[in-house]
Amino acid sequence: MAFPTAIIIDDEPGLAELFSDLLELQRLKIVGIGHTGIDAIRLVKAKNPNIIFLDITMPKMDGIEALKEIRKIDQEIKIVMVTANKYVDEEKLLQLGATALIFKPFKMEQILEVLENIERSMIPMGSK
């Protein structure tokens, strides 16, 4: 299987770049970085990634609205929501179609666990 492709959406450009570098170390191919929910939708349409890392709190269109719109476009894409808000309603995010939730500041173990779970879910049945 080819390396999964991903986009990163976060309104803090420096954090998005850092997150991109961390994910590339895990053999993800980063095909786009954006800073608003509008960017997320545009990049999903243009790049057709396997995974999107989507910040929740952003200007113009937040991550929850972007999540809803992306699910109208693609039911299969893995969407990892990212937030510093420890009080976010994880159950609601999952009901809206989020695949996983990662909290800022990032812990590498948390990222690796999410990526392992996503990788397992992307392996076709009957493959080893």
N, C-alpha and C. Protein backbone atom coordinates (compact mmCIF):
# COMPACT_ATOMS: atom_id res chain seq x y z
N MET A 1 0.84 -1.19 0.00
CA MET A 1 0.00 0.00 0.00
C MET A 1 0.88 1.25 0.00
N ALA A 2 0.53 2.21 -0.82
CA ALA A 2 1.27 3.47 -0.87
C ALA A 2 1.07 4.21 0.45
N PHE A 3 1.99 5.11 0.72
CA PHE A 3 1.85 5.90 1.95
C PHE A 3 0.55 6.69 1.89
N PRO A 4 -0.19 6.75 3.00
CA PRO A 4 -1.42 7.54 3.01
C PRO A 4 -1.12 9.02 2.81
N THR A 5 -2.07 9.71 2.16
CA THR A 5 -1.94 11.15 1.97
C THR A 5 -2.79 11.86 3.01
N ALA A 6 -2.34 13.05 3.39
CA ALA A 6 -3.06 13.78 4.43
C ALA A 6 -2.99 15.28 4.16
N ILE A 7 -3.99 15.98 4.69
CA ILE A 7 -3.95 17.44 4.74
C ILE A 7 -4.08 17.85 6.20
N ILE A 8 -3.52 19.01 6.50
CA ILE A 8 -3.54 19.55 7.86
C ILE A 8 -4.20 20.92 7.80
N ILE A 9 -5.19 21.11 8.66
CA ILE A 9 -5.91 22.38 8.73
C ILE A 9 -5.81 22.92 10.16
N ASP A 10 -5.12 24.02 10.32
CA ASP A 10 -4.98 24.65 11.64
C ASP A 10 -4.74 26.14 11.42
N ASP A 11 -5.42 26.98 12.20
CA ASP A 11 -5.30 28.42 12.01
C ASP A 11 -3.98 29.00 12.50
N GLU A 12 -3.15 28.18 13.14
CA GLU A 12 -1.82 28.62 13.56
C GLU A 12 -0.80 28.04 12.58
N PRO A 13 -0.30 28.86 11.62
CA PRO A 13 0.59 28.34 10.58
C PRO A 13 1.82 27.60 11.13
N GLY A 14 2.44 28.11 12.16
CA GLY A 14 3.62 27.45 12.73
C GLY A 14 3.29 26.08 13.28
N LEU A 15 2.15 25.97 13.91
CA LEU A 15 1.72 24.69 14.46
C LEU A 15 1.38 23.70 13.34
N ALA A 16 0.75 24.19 12.29
CA ALA A 16 0.44 23.33 11.15
C ALA A 16 1.71 22.77 10.53
N GLU A 17 2.74 23.62 10.39
CA GLU A 17 4.01 23.17 9.82
C GLU A 17 4.69 22.14 10.72
N LEU A 18 4.69 22.40 12.03
CA LEU A 18 5.28 21.45 12.97
C LEU A 18 4.55 20.11 12.91
N PHE A 19 3.24 20.14 12.90
CA PHE A 19 2.43 18.93 12.83
C PHE A 19 2.72 18.19 11.51
N SER A 20 2.88 18.93 10.43
CA SER A 20 3.21 18.35 9.14
C SER A 20 4.54 17.60 9.22
N ASP A 21 5.54 18.23 9.83
CA ASP A 21 6.85 17.58 9.97
C ASP A 21 6.75 16.30 10.79
N LEU A 22 5.99 16.33 11.89
CA LEU A 22 5.82 15.14 12.73
C LEU A 22 5.14 14.01 11.95
N LEU A 23 4.13 14.35 11.18
CA LEU A 23 3.39 13.33 10.44
C LEU A 23 4.22 12.75 9.30
N GLU A 24 5.03 13.58 8.66
CA GLU A 24 5.89 13.07 7.60
C GLU A 24 6.92 12.09 8.15
N LEU A 25 7.34 12.29 9.39
CA LEU A 25 8.24 11.33 10.03
C LEU A 25 7.55 9.97 10.20
N GLN A 26 6.23 9.99 10.24
CA GLN A 26 5.45 8.76 10.38
C GLN A 26 5.03 8.20 9.01
N ARG A 27 5.65 8.68 7.97
CA ARG A 27 5.46 8.21 6.60
C ARG A 27 4.11 8.57 5.99
N LEU A 28 3.55 9.67 6.45
CA LEU A 28 2.37 10.21 5.77
C LEU A 28 2.87 11.20 4.73
N LYS A 29 2.20 11.25 3.61
CA LYS A 29 2.53 12.24 2.58
C LYS A 29 1.57 13.41 2.74
N ILE A 30 2.09 14.56 3.17
CA ILE A 30 1.27 15.75 3.37
C ILE A 30 1.08 16.42 2.01
N VAL A 31 -0.17 16.49 1.56
CA VAL A 31 -0.47 17.04 0.23
C VAL A 31 -1.08 18.44 0.30
N GLY A 32 -1.28 18.95 1.52
CA GLY A 32 -1.82 20.30 1.64
C GLY A 32 -1.91 20.75 3.08
N ILE A 33 -1.77 22.06 3.27
CA ILE A 33 -1.93 22.68 4.58
C ILE A 33 -2.84 23.89 4.39
N GLY A 34 -3.84 24.02 5.27
CA GLY A 34 -4.74 25.15 5.22
C GLY A 34 -4.96 25.71 6.62
N HIS A 35 -5.71 26.82 6.68
CA HIS A 35 -5.84 27.51 7.96
C HIS A 35 -7.28 27.84 8.34
N THR A 36 -8.25 27.43 7.51
CA THR A 36 -9.67 27.65 7.83
C THR A 36 -10.47 26.44 7.37
N GLY A 37 -11.70 26.35 7.83
CA GLY A 37 -12.58 25.29 7.36
C GLY A 37 -12.82 25.37 5.87
N ILE A 38 -12.84 26.58 5.34
CA ILE A 38 -13.01 26.77 3.89
C ILE A 38 -11.82 26.15 3.15
N ASP A 39 -10.61 26.36 3.68
CA ASP A 39 -9.42 25.71 3.10
C ASP A 39 -9.56 24.20 3.13
N ALA A 40 -10.10 23.68 4.23
CA ALA A 40 -10.26 22.23 4.36
C ALA A 40 -11.11 21.67 3.24
N ILE A 41 -12.23 22.28 2.99
CA ILE A 41 -13.15 21.81 1.95
C ILE A 41 -12.49 21.91 0.58
N ARG A 42 -11.83 23.02 0.33
CA ARG A 42 -11.15 23.21 -0.96
C ARG A 42 -10.06 22.15 -1.16
N LEU A 43 -9.27 21.89 -0.12
CA LEU A 43 -8.19 20.92 -0.25
C LEU A 43 -8.70 19.49 -0.36
N VAL A 44 -9.79 19.17 0.31
CA VAL A 44 -10.37 17.83 0.17
C VAL A 44 -10.79 17.61 -1.28
N LYS A 45 -11.44 18.60 -1.86
CA LYS A 45 -11.87 18.49 -3.26
C LYS A 45 -10.69 18.41 -4.22
N ALA A 46 -9.65 19.20 -3.98
CA ALA A 46 -8.52 19.29 -4.90
C ALA A 46 -7.53 18.14 -4.75
N LYS A 47 -7.33 17.67 -3.53
CA LYS A 47 -6.24 16.71 -3.28
C LYS A 47 -6.72 15.29 -2.97
N ASN A 48 -8.00 15.13 -2.63
CA ASN A 48 -8.55 13.81 -2.33
C ASN A 48 -7.67 13.00 -1.36
N PRO A 49 -7.38 13.55 -0.18
CA PRO A 49 -6.49 12.85 0.75
C PRO A 49 -7.19 11.67 1.44
N ASN A 50 -6.38 10.78 2.02
CA ASN A 50 -6.92 9.68 2.82
C ASN A 50 -7.32 10.15 4.22
N ILE A 51 -6.56 11.13 4.73
CA ILE A 51 -6.71 11.58 6.12
C ILE A 51 -6.69 13.11 6.15
N ILE A 52 -7.51 13.68 7.03
CA ILE A 52 -7.44 15.12 7.29
C ILE A 52 -7.31 15.33 8.79
N PHE A 53 -6.38 16.18 9.18
CA PHE A 53 -6.23 16.61 10.56
C PHE A 53 -6.84 18.00 10.63
N LEU A 54 -7.94 18.14 11.37
CA LEU A 54 -8.79 19.32 11.30
C LEU A 54 -8.94 19.97 12.67
N ASP A 55 -8.39 21.16 12.80
CA ASP A 55 -8.53 21.94 14.04
C ASP A 55 -10.01 22.30 14.21
N ILE A 56 -10.47 22.38 15.43
CA ILE A 56 -11.87 22.72 15.68
C ILE A 56 -12.09 24.23 15.69
N THR A 57 -11.24 24.97 16.41
CA THR A 57 -11.45 26.41 16.58
C THR A 57 -10.64 27.18 15.55
N MET A 58 -11.36 27.73 14.55
CA MET A 58 -10.72 28.50 13.48
C MET A 58 -11.65 29.62 13.05
N PRO A 59 -11.09 30.67 12.44
CA PRO A 59 -11.93 31.75 11.91
C PRO A 59 -12.62 31.33 10.62
N LYS A 60 -13.58 32.12 10.19
CA LYS A 60 -14.34 31.97 8.94
C LYS A 60 -15.26 30.76 8.95
N MET A 61 -14.71 29.57 9.13
CA MET A 61 -15.52 28.36 9.26
C MET A 61 -14.77 27.43 10.22
N ASP A 62 -15.43 27.07 11.32
CA ASP A 62 -14.74 26.23 12.29
C ASP A 62 -14.67 24.77 11.81
N GLY A 63 -13.94 23.96 12.56
CA GLY A 63 -13.73 22.58 12.18
C GLY A 63 -14.99 21.74 12.21
N ILE A 64 -15.92 22.06 13.08
CA ILE A 64 -17.16 21.27 13.15
C ILE A 64 -18.00 21.50 11.90
N GLU A 65 -18.12 22.75 11.47
CA GLU A 65 -18.85 23.03 10.23
C GLU A 65 -18.15 22.39 9.03
N ALA A 66 -16.82 22.47 9.03
CA ALA A 66 -16.05 21.86 7.93
C ALA A 66 -16.24 20.34 7.93
N LEU A 67 -16.25 19.74 9.11
CA LEU A 67 -16.49 18.29 9.23
C LEU A 67 -17.81 17.91 8.58
N LYS A 68 -18.85 18.66 8.87
CA LYS A 68 -20.18 18.37 8.30
C LYS A 68 -20.14 18.47 6.77
N GLU A 69 -19.48 19.51 6.26
CA GLU A 69 -19.42 19.71 4.81
C GLU A 69 -18.56 18.64 4.13
N ILE A 70 -17.46 18.28 4.77
CA ILE A 70 -16.58 17.25 4.19
C ILE A 70 -17.30 15.91 4.13
N ARG A 71 -18.10 15.61 5.12
CA ARG A 71 -18.84 14.34 5.12
C ARG A 71 -19.86 14.29 3.98
N LYS A 72 -20.33 15.45 3.52
CA LYS A 72 -21.23 15.48 2.37
C LYS A 72 -20.47 15.14 1.08
N ILE A 73 -19.17 15.43 1.07
CA ILE A 73 -18.33 15.21 -0.10
C ILE A 73 -17.76 13.79 -0.10
N ASP A 74 -17.31 13.33 1.07
CA ASP A 74 -16.57 12.07 1.16
C ASP A 74 -16.90 11.37 2.47
N GLN A 75 -17.49 10.20 2.38
CA GLN A 75 -17.83 9.42 3.58
C GLN A 75 -16.66 8.57 4.08
N GLU A 76 -15.67 8.35 3.24
CA GLU A 76 -14.57 7.42 3.56
C GLU A 76 -13.35 8.08 4.19
N ILE A 77 -13.14 9.36 3.90
CA ILE A 77 -11.94 10.04 4.40
C ILE A 77 -11.90 9.95 5.93
N LYS A 78 -10.71 9.73 6.46
CA LYS A 78 -10.51 9.68 7.91
C LYS A 78 -10.29 11.11 8.39
N ILE A 79 -11.12 11.54 9.34
CA ILE A 79 -11.04 12.92 9.83
C ILE A 79 -10.66 12.91 11.31
N VAL A 80 -9.46 13.42 11.59
CA VAL A 80 -8.96 13.50 12.95
C VAL A 80 -9.14 14.94 13.41
N MET A 81 -10.00 15.14 14.38
CA MET A 81 -10.25 16.47 14.92
C MET A 81 -9.13 16.80 15.92
N VAL A 82 -8.73 18.07 15.93
CA VAL A 82 -7.63 18.52 16.78
C VAL A 82 -8.12 19.73 17.57
N THR A 83 -7.87 19.71 18.89
CA THR A 83 -8.32 20.83 19.71
C THR A 83 -7.50 20.95 20.99
N ALA A 84 -7.49 22.16 21.54
CA ALA A 84 -6.91 22.40 22.86
C ALA A 84 -8.00 22.39 23.93
N ASN A 85 -9.25 22.33 23.49
CA ASN A 85 -10.40 22.39 24.41
C ASN A 85 -10.66 21.02 25.02
N LYS A 86 -10.32 20.87 26.28
CA LYS A 86 -10.49 19.58 26.97
C LYS A 86 -11.96 19.25 27.23
N TYR A 87 -12.85 20.21 27.02
CA TYR A 87 -14.27 20.00 27.30
C TYR A 87 -15.09 19.73 26.04
N VAL A 88 -14.43 19.48 24.93
CA VAL A 88 -15.14 19.22 23.69
C VAL A 88 -15.98 17.95 23.83
N ASP A 89 -17.11 17.92 23.16
CA ASP A 89 -18.03 16.77 23.21
C ASP A 89 -17.58 15.73 22.18
N GLU A 90 -16.74 14.81 22.63
CA GLU A 90 -16.17 13.80 21.74
C GLU A 90 -17.26 12.93 21.11
N GLU A 91 -18.27 12.60 21.87
CA GLU A 91 -19.36 11.76 21.36
C GLU A 91 -20.07 12.46 20.20
N LYS A 92 -20.31 13.77 20.33
CA LYS A 92 -20.95 14.52 19.25
C LYS A 92 -20.08 14.53 18.00
N LEU A 93 -18.77 14.70 18.17
CA LEU A 93 -17.85 14.70 17.03
C LEU A 93 -17.91 13.36 16.30
N LEU A 94 -17.94 12.27 17.05
CA LEU A 94 -18.01 10.94 16.44
C LEU A 94 -19.33 10.76 15.70
N GLN A 95 -20.41 11.26 16.27
CA GLN A 95 -21.72 11.18 15.61
C GLN A 95 -21.73 11.97 14.30
N LEU A 96 -20.98 13.07 14.25
CA LEU A 96 -20.90 13.89 13.04
C LEU A 96 -19.97 13.30 11.98
N GLY A 97 -19.23 12.26 12.37
CA GLY A 97 -18.38 11.59 11.39
C GLY A 97 -16.89 11.71 11.62
N ALA A 98 -16.46 12.25 12.77
CA ALA A 98 -15.03 12.30 13.07
C ALA A 98 -14.52 10.88 13.31
N THR A 99 -13.29 10.64 12.93
CA THR A 99 -12.66 9.34 13.11
C THR A 99 -12.00 9.25 14.48
N ALA A 100 -11.37 10.36 14.89
CA ALA A 100 -10.62 10.39 16.15
C ALA A 100 -10.47 11.83 16.61
N LEU A 101 -9.94 11.98 17.83
CA LEU A 101 -9.72 13.29 18.43
C LEU A 101 -8.34 13.32 19.04
N ILE A 102 -7.59 14.37 18.74
CA ILE A 102 -6.26 14.58 19.32
C ILE A 102 -6.28 15.93 20.03
N PHE A 103 -5.71 15.94 21.23
CA PHE A 103 -5.65 17.18 22.01
C PHE A 103 -4.29 17.86 21.88
N LYS A 104 -4.34 19.20 21.81
CA LYS A 104 -3.13 20.01 21.88
C LYS A 104 -2.82 20.25 23.35
N PRO A 105 -1.58 20.38 23.76
CA PRO A 105 -0.39 20.14 22.95
C PRO A 105 -0.28 18.66 22.58
N PHE A 106 0.26 18.39 21.39
CA PHE A 106 0.34 17.03 20.88
C PHE A 106 1.27 16.18 21.72
N LYS A 107 0.88 14.94 21.91
CA LYS A 107 1.75 13.94 22.50
C LYS A 107 1.99 12.91 21.39
N MET A 108 3.24 12.64 21.10
CA MET A 108 3.57 11.74 20.00
C MET A 108 2.89 10.38 20.15
N GLU A 109 2.78 9.89 21.37
CA GLU A 109 2.13 8.60 21.59
C GLU A 109 0.67 8.63 21.13
N GLN A 110 0.00 9.73 21.40
CA GLN A 110 -1.40 9.89 21.00
C GLN A 110 -1.52 9.90 19.47
N ILE A 111 -0.62 10.61 18.81
CA ILE A 111 -0.63 10.66 17.35
C ILE A 111 -0.38 9.27 16.77
N LEU A 112 0.62 8.57 17.32
CA LEU A 112 0.94 7.22 16.82
C LEU A 112 -0.23 6.26 17.00
N GLU A 113 -0.90 6.34 18.14
CA GLU A 113 -2.04 5.47 18.39
C GLU A 113 -3.16 5.73 17.38
N VAL A 114 -3.46 6.99 17.13
CA VAL A 114 -4.49 7.34 16.15
C VAL A 114 -4.10 6.84 14.77
N LEU A 115 -2.84 7.05 14.38
CA LEU A 115 -2.38 6.62 13.06
C LEU A 115 -2.43 5.10 12.92
N GLU A 116 -2.07 4.37 13.98
CA GLU A 116 -2.14 2.91 13.94
C GLU A 116 -3.58 2.44 13.75
N ASN A 117 -4.51 3.06 14.47
CA ASN A 117 -5.93 2.70 14.34
C ASN A 117 -6.43 3.00 12.93
N ILE A 118 -6.04 4.13 12.38
CA ILE A 118 -6.45 4.49 11.02
C ILE A 118 -5.85 3.51 10.02
N GLU A 119 -4.58 3.22 10.19
CA GLU A 119 -3.91 2.29 9.27
C GLU A 119 -4.61 0.94 9.26
N ARG A 120 -4.94 0.43 10.45
CA ARG A 120 -5.65 -0.85 10.54
C ARG A 120 -6.99 -0.78 9.80
N SER A 121 -7.68 0.34 9.92
CA SER A 121 -9.00 0.45 9.28
C SER A 121 -8.89 0.62 7.77
N MET A 122 -7.71 1.00 7.26
CA MET A 122 -7.53 1.22 5.82
C MET A 122 -7.06 -0.03 5.09
N ILE A 123 -6.63 -1.08 5.83
CA ILE A 123 -6.15 -2.29 5.18
C ILE A 123 -7.34 -3.07 4.64
N PRO A 124 -7.33 -3.38 3.35
CA PRO A 124 -8.45 -4.14 2.78
C PRO A 124 -8.59 -5.50 3.45
N MET A 125 -9.83 -5.95 3.57
CA MET A 125 -10.08 -7.26 4.17
C MET A 125 -9.34 -8.33 3.39
N GLY A 126 -8.74 -9.29 4.11
CA GLY A 126 -8.02 -10.37 3.47
C GLY A 126 -6.56 -10.04 3.19
N SER A 127 -6.13 -8.80 3.42
CA SER A 127 -4.73 -8.41 3.22
C SER A 127 -3.95 -8.65 4.49
N LYS A 128 -2.69 -8.84 4.35
CA LYS A 128 -1.81 -9.00 5.51
C LYS A 128 -0.76 -7.92 5.50
